[in-house]
Structures are given as C-alpha cells and as structure tokens.
Amino acid sequence: MAKALRKALAMRQIDLSAANAHEVVPQQHGISDGNVLKSVCGVGISLSLTIFVEHGGQQGAASFYQAAFGAVQTNAHFQKRRSELMAVDMRLGDRTISVCGANPRRETEPLRGGPFFPKELGSVSTTASGGREISAVCVSA
C-alpha cells in the first residue's frame, strides 16, 4: 500500500519518503502503525503443523486426526526405493498438518539430532529446524 501511495504521489510530482509512506498508510485506516496493519490484514501469515510419530505410525495417526477432528488427507509421501509411507499431508479447516514418521536411524543414534517422537505420556521432544523450535508432546502411550 505504501509503495502504491508513493507511486501515485510521484505521478503528481509530490515526493514522499518510504518511511513517511509507511507511517501514513496505517493512519489512513485508523491504525497505529504498519505492524498492526499487517497483522489486521493477515498478509503473509500462515500456520502449518508437523507432527512426528514413531516410524510406521503415520497412517494410524492420520486416521486418528480424520476421525477425531475431520481432517482431510490431501497427499501421501512415499520413499521411492521401498514404496514406504513417510508422511501424510492433511487439511484441518484452513490449516495444513503433516504427520511424519521420525527417522529410525536418528532414534537409535540420538547424537544425530531429532526430531524425535515423544516416548512417554506427557514427555516432550524439542528440536530446532530452520531457525524455529519444534516441540511434540506425548498424549497417549
């Protein structure tokens, strides 16, 4: 919006700095600043969830989310060499969730790092991925 404002004013030979444009646009909408405007507009905001389960439990977990929450399976990812199910993508309302099997090699060799699936009721597994922290909690054993 600020870029469009600057362009429109430039066509009328009115110079407005980018910083000033980013202050004016939210004020035109009765909003305090650009960060609040962006959150109100929802521009570029999305949420997806990746759930790690014990390797081999992907389809069972996906079936649970279908039955319990009405999630709809949109895709399945298989390992090409063995035609083994690796992950299931699902839609839950307007959100995407992926149910993935934890890598069994990483499970047997924890020094490789996770993500791991939680092993005991109430336990938490946390790892960092792409600058984000990923946590999983075991809710059934």
C-alpha atoms as a PDB file:
ATOM      1  CA  MET A   1       0.000   0.000   0.000  1.00  0.00           C
ATOM      2  CA  ALA A   2       2.817   2.391   0.862  1.00  0.00           C
ATOM      3  CA  LYS A   3       4.507   1.696  -2.479  1.00  0.00           C
ATOM      4  CA  ALA A   4       1.251   2.420  -4.340  1.00  0.00           C
ATOM      5  CA  LEU A   5       0.824   5.674  -2.403  1.00  0.00           C
ATOM      6  CA  ARG A   6       4.372   6.806  -3.223  1.00  0.00           C
ATOM      7  CA  LYS A   7       3.848   5.953  -6.912  1.00  0.00           C
ATOM      8  CA  ALA A   8       0.549   7.860  -7.085  1.00  0.00           C
ATOM      9  CA  LEU A   9       2.078  10.904  -5.405  1.00  0.00           C
ATOM     10  CA  ALA A  10       5.185  10.760  -7.618  1.00  0.00           C
ATOM     11  CA  MET A  11       2.919  10.977 -10.675  1.00  0.00           C
ATOM     12  CA  ARG A  12       1.771  14.328  -9.227  1.00  0.00           C
ATOM     13  CA  GLN A  13       5.375  15.386  -8.558  1.00  0.00           C
ATOM     14  CA  ILE A  14       4.942  15.006  -4.804  1.00  0.00           C
ATOM     15  CA  ASP A  15       7.893  13.357  -3.085  1.00  0.00           C
ATOM     16  CA  LEU A  16       7.151  11.156  -0.072  1.00  0.00           C
ATOM     17  CA  SER A  17       9.849   9.051   1.576  1.00  0.00           C
ATOM     18  CA  ALA A  18       9.278   5.335   2.084  1.00  0.00           C
ATOM     19  CA  ALA A  19       9.429   5.798   5.856  1.00  0.00           C
ATOM     20  CA  ASN A  20       6.753   8.500   5.765  1.00  0.00           C
ATOM     21  CA  ALA A  21       4.574   6.427   3.437  1.00  0.00           C
ATOM     22  CA  HIS A  22       4.764   3.522   5.885  1.00  0.00           C
ATOM     23  CA  GLU A  23       3.523   5.871   8.623  1.00  0.00           C
ATOM     24  CA  VAL A  24       0.746   7.495   6.569  1.00  0.00           C
ATOM     25  CA  VAL A  25      -0.912   4.331   5.222  1.00  0.00           C
ATOM     26  CA  PRO A  26      -1.816   2.790   8.613  1.00  0.00           C
ATOM     27  CA  GLN A  27      -3.046   6.190   9.818  1.00  0.00           C
ATOM     28  CA  GLN A  28      -5.391   6.374   6.811  1.00  0.00           C
ATOM     29  CA  HIS A  29      -7.032   3.196   8.123  1.00  0.00           C
ATOM     30  CA  GLY A  30      -7.149   4.405  11.736  1.00  0.00           C
ATOM     31  CA  ILE A  31      -4.380   2.008  12.805  1.00  0.00           C
ATOM     32  CA  SER A  32      -1.378   2.958  14.923  1.00  0.00           C
ATOM     33  CA  ASP A  33       1.456   1.512  12.813  1.00  0.00           C
ATOM     34  CA  GLY A  34       2.452  -0.777   9.951  1.00  0.00           C
ATOM     35  CA  ASN A  35       2.971  -3.846  12.131  1.00  0.00           C
ATOM     36  CA  VAL A  36      -0.589  -3.653  13.431  1.00  0.00           C
ATOM     37  CA  LEU A  37      -1.895  -3.053   9.897  1.00  0.00           C
ATOM     38  CA  LYS A  38      -0.066  -6.135   8.630  1.00  0.00           C
ATOM     39  CA  SER A  39      -1.486  -8.319  11.404  1.00  0.00           C
ATOM     40  CA  VAL A  40      -5.008  -6.994  10.822  1.00  0.00           C
ATOM     41  CA  CYS A  41      -4.756  -7.671   7.092  1.00  0.00           C
ATOM     42  CA  GLY A  42      -3.277 -11.120   7.649  1.00  0.00           C
ATOM     43  CA  VAL A  43      -0.830 -10.580   4.809  1.00  0.00           C
ATOM     44  CA  GLY A  44       1.742 -13.356   4.601  1.00  0.00           C
ATOM     45  CA  ILE A  45       0.610 -15.112   7.760  1.00  0.00           C
ATOM     46  CA  SER A  46       0.205 -18.863   7.630  1.00  0.00           C
ATOM     47  CA  LEU A  47       0.385 -21.709  10.063  1.00  0.00           C
ATOM     48  CA  SER A  48       1.281 -25.282   9.397  1.00  0.00           C
ATOM     49  CA  LEU A  49       1.959 -28.062  11.834  1.00  0.00           C
ATOM     50  CA  THR A  50       4.239 -31.075  11.511  1.00  0.00           C
ATOM     51  CA  ILE A  51       3.543 -33.942  13.886  1.00  0.00           C
ATOM     52  CA  PHE A  52       6.277 -36.550  14.367  1.00  0.00           C
ATOM     53  CA  VAL A  53       5.165 -40.040  15.284  1.00  0.00           C
ATOM     54  CA  GLU A  54       7.002 -43.320  15.634  1.00  0.00           C
ATOM     55  CA  HIS A  55       8.179 -44.535  12.237  1.00  0.00           C
ATOM     56  CA  GLY A  56       5.419 -46.707  10.771  1.00  0.00           C
ATOM     57  CA  GLY A  57       2.644 -44.986  12.734  1.00  0.00           C
ATOM     58  CA  GLN A  58       1.933 -42.251  10.175  1.00  0.00           C
ATOM     59  CA  GLN A  59      -1.252 -43.729   8.694  1.00  0.00           C
ATOM     60  CA  GLY A  60      -2.654 -44.606  12.117  1.00  0.00           C
ATOM     61  CA  ALA A  61      -2.061 -41.070  13.358  1.00  0.00           C
ATOM     62  CA  ALA A  62      -3.571 -39.610  10.172  1.00  0.00           C
ATOM     63  CA  SER A  63      -6.642 -41.828  10.629  1.00  0.00           C
ATOM     64  CA  PHE A  64      -6.965 -40.530  14.197  1.00  0.00           C
ATOM     65  CA  TYR A  65      -6.952 -36.884  13.017  1.00  0.00           C
ATOM     66  CA  GLN A  66      -9.528 -37.756  10.349  1.00  0.00           C
ATOM     67  CA  ALA A  67     -11.864 -39.430  12.853  1.00  0.00           C
ATOM     68  CA  ALA A  68     -11.347 -37.047  15.776  1.00  0.00           C
ATOM     69  CA  PHE A  69     -11.173 -33.690  14.000  1.00  0.00           C
ATOM     70  CA  GLY A  70     -12.486 -34.228  10.468  1.00  0.00           C
ATOM     71  CA  ALA A  71      -9.089 -33.664   8.859  1.00  0.00           C
ATOM     72  CA  VAL A  72      -8.936 -34.492   5.152  1.00  0.00           C
ATOM     73  CA  GLN A  73      -5.927 -36.265   3.650  1.00  0.00           C
ATOM     74  CA  THR A  74      -4.524 -34.265   0.722  1.00  0.00           C
ATOM     75  CA  ASN A  75      -1.296 -36.094  -0.087  1.00  0.00           C
ATOM     76  CA  ALA A  76       0.884 -39.027   0.915  1.00  0.00           C
ATOM     77  CA  HIS A  77       4.678 -39.094   0.559  1.00  0.00           C
ATOM     78  CA  PHE A  78       6.452 -42.379  -0.047  1.00  0.00           C
ATOM     79  CA  GLN A  79      10.112 -43.339  -0.074  1.00  0.00           C
ATOM     80  CA  LYS A  80      10.755 -44.112  -3.722  1.00  0.00           C
ATOM     81  CA  ARG A  81      13.014 -47.135  -3.317  1.00  0.00           C
ATOM     82  CA  ARG A  82      10.774 -49.108  -0.959  1.00  0.00           C
ATOM     83  CA  SER A  83       7.350 -47.518  -1.549  1.00  0.00           C
ATOM     84  CA  GLU A  84       7.290 -46.921   2.205  1.00  0.00           C
ATOM     85  CA  LEU A  85       4.942 -44.254   3.614  1.00  0.00           C
ATOM     86  CA  MET A  86       6.993 -41.373   5.031  1.00  0.00           C
ATOM     87  CA  ALA A  87       4.390 -38.647   5.649  1.00  0.00           C
ATOM     88  CA  VAL A  88       0.734 -37.740   5.212  1.00  0.00           C
ATOM     89  CA  ASP A  89      -0.426 -34.177   4.458  1.00  0.00           C
ATOM     90  CA  MET A  90      -3.859 -33.171   5.698  1.00  0.00           C
ATOM     91  CA  ARG A  91      -6.178 -30.147   5.796  1.00  0.00           C
ATOM     92  CA  LEU A  92      -7.790 -29.291   9.083  1.00  0.00           C
ATOM     93  CA  GLY A  93     -10.090 -26.363   8.416  1.00  0.00           C
ATOM     94  CA  ASP A  94      -7.918 -23.819   6.643  1.00  0.00           C
ATOM     95  CA  ARG A  95      -4.663 -25.189   8.096  1.00  0.00           C
ATOM     96  CA  THR A  96      -2.211 -27.777   6.827  1.00  0.00           C
ATOM     97  CA  ILE A  97      -0.869 -30.506   9.068  1.00  0.00           C
ATOM     98  CA  SER A  98       1.706 -33.125   8.151  1.00  0.00           C
ATOM     99  CA  VAL A  99       2.068 -36.402  10.013  1.00  0.00           C
ATOM    100  CA  CYS A 100       5.644 -37.659   9.599  1.00  0.00           C
ATOM    101  CA  GLY A 101       7.463 -40.720  10.824  1.00  0.00           C
ATOM    102  CA  ALA A 102      10.521 -39.976  12.926  1.00  0.00           C
ATOM    103  CA  ASN A 103      13.706 -41.218  11.260  1.00  0.00           C
ATOM    104  CA  PRO A 104      14.536 -44.588  12.873  1.00  0.00           C
ATOM    105  CA  ARG A 105      18.297 -44.040  12.433  1.00  0.00           C
ATOM    106  CA  ARG A 106      18.105 -40.797  14.358  1.00  0.00           C
ATOM    107  CA  GLU A 107      16.072 -42.535  17.055  1.00  0.00           C
ATOM    108  CA  THR A 108      18.804 -45.184  17.558  1.00  0.00           C
ATOM    109  CA  GLU A 109      21.608 -42.620  17.292  1.00  0.00           C
ATOM    110  CA  PRO A 110      20.421 -39.556  19.286  1.00  0.00           C
ATOM    111  CA  LEU A 111      23.668 -37.684  18.655  1.00  0.00           C
ATOM    112  CA  ARG A 112      22.444 -37.208  15.068  1.00  0.00           C
ATOM    113  CA  GLY A 113      19.710 -34.938  16.425  1.00  0.00           C
ATOM    114  CA  GLY A 114      15.945 -35.046  16.003  1.00  0.00           C
ATOM    115  CA  PRO A 115      13.210 -34.501  15.520  1.00  0.00           C
ATOM    116  CA  PHE A 116      12.202 -37.440  17.671  1.00  0.00           C
ATOM    117  CA  PHE A 117       8.765 -38.622  18.668  1.00  0.00           C
ATOM    118  CA  PRO A 118       7.898 -38.389  22.392  1.00  0.00           C
ATOM    119  CA  LYS A 119       8.184 -41.803  24.110  1.00  0.00           C
ATOM    120  CA  GLU A 120       6.251 -41.470  27.376  1.00  0.00           C
ATOM    121  CA  LEU A 121       2.926 -39.934  28.359  1.00  0.00           C
ATOM    122  CA  GLY A 122       3.453 -36.222  28.986  1.00  0.00           C
ATOM    123  CA  SER A 123       7.019 -36.224  27.647  1.00  0.00           C
ATOM    124  CA  VAL A 124       8.189 -33.510  25.265  1.00  0.00           C
ATOM    125  CA  SER A 125      10.556 -33.741  22.307  1.00  0.00           C
ATOM    126  CA  THR A 126      12.050 -30.465  21.094  1.00  0.00           C
ATOM    127  CA  THR A 127      14.416 -29.675  18.242  1.00  0.00           C
ATOM    128  CA  ALA A 128      15.341 -26.675  16.129  1.00  0.00           C
ATOM    129  CA  SER A 129      14.634 -26.638  12.409  1.00  0.00           C
ATOM    130  CA  GLY A 130      15.266 -23.731  10.084  1.00  0.00           C
ATOM    131  CA  GLY A 131      15.538 -21.282  12.944  1.00  0.00           C
ATOM    132  CA  ARG A 132      12.271 -22.495  14.516  1.00  0.00           C
ATOM    133  CA  GLU A 133      11.782 -24.618  17.577  1.00  0.00           C
ATOM    134  CA  ILE A 134       9.654 -27.710  17.110  1.00  0.00           C
ATOM    135  CA  SER A 135       8.043 -29.387  20.115  1.00  0.00           C
ATOM    136  CA  ALA A 136       5.980 -32.531  20.421  1.00  0.00           C
ATOM    137  CA  VAL A 137       4.136 -33.853  23.455  1.00  0.00           C
ATOM    138  CA  CYS A 138       3.112 -37.463  24.037  1.00  0.00           C
ATOM    139  CA  VAL A 139      -0.616 -37.552  24.897  1.00  0.00           C
ATOM    140  CA  SER A 140      -1.161 -41.320  24.750  1.00  0.00           C
ATOM    141  CA  ALA A 141       1.132 -44.262  25.319  1.00  0.00           C
END
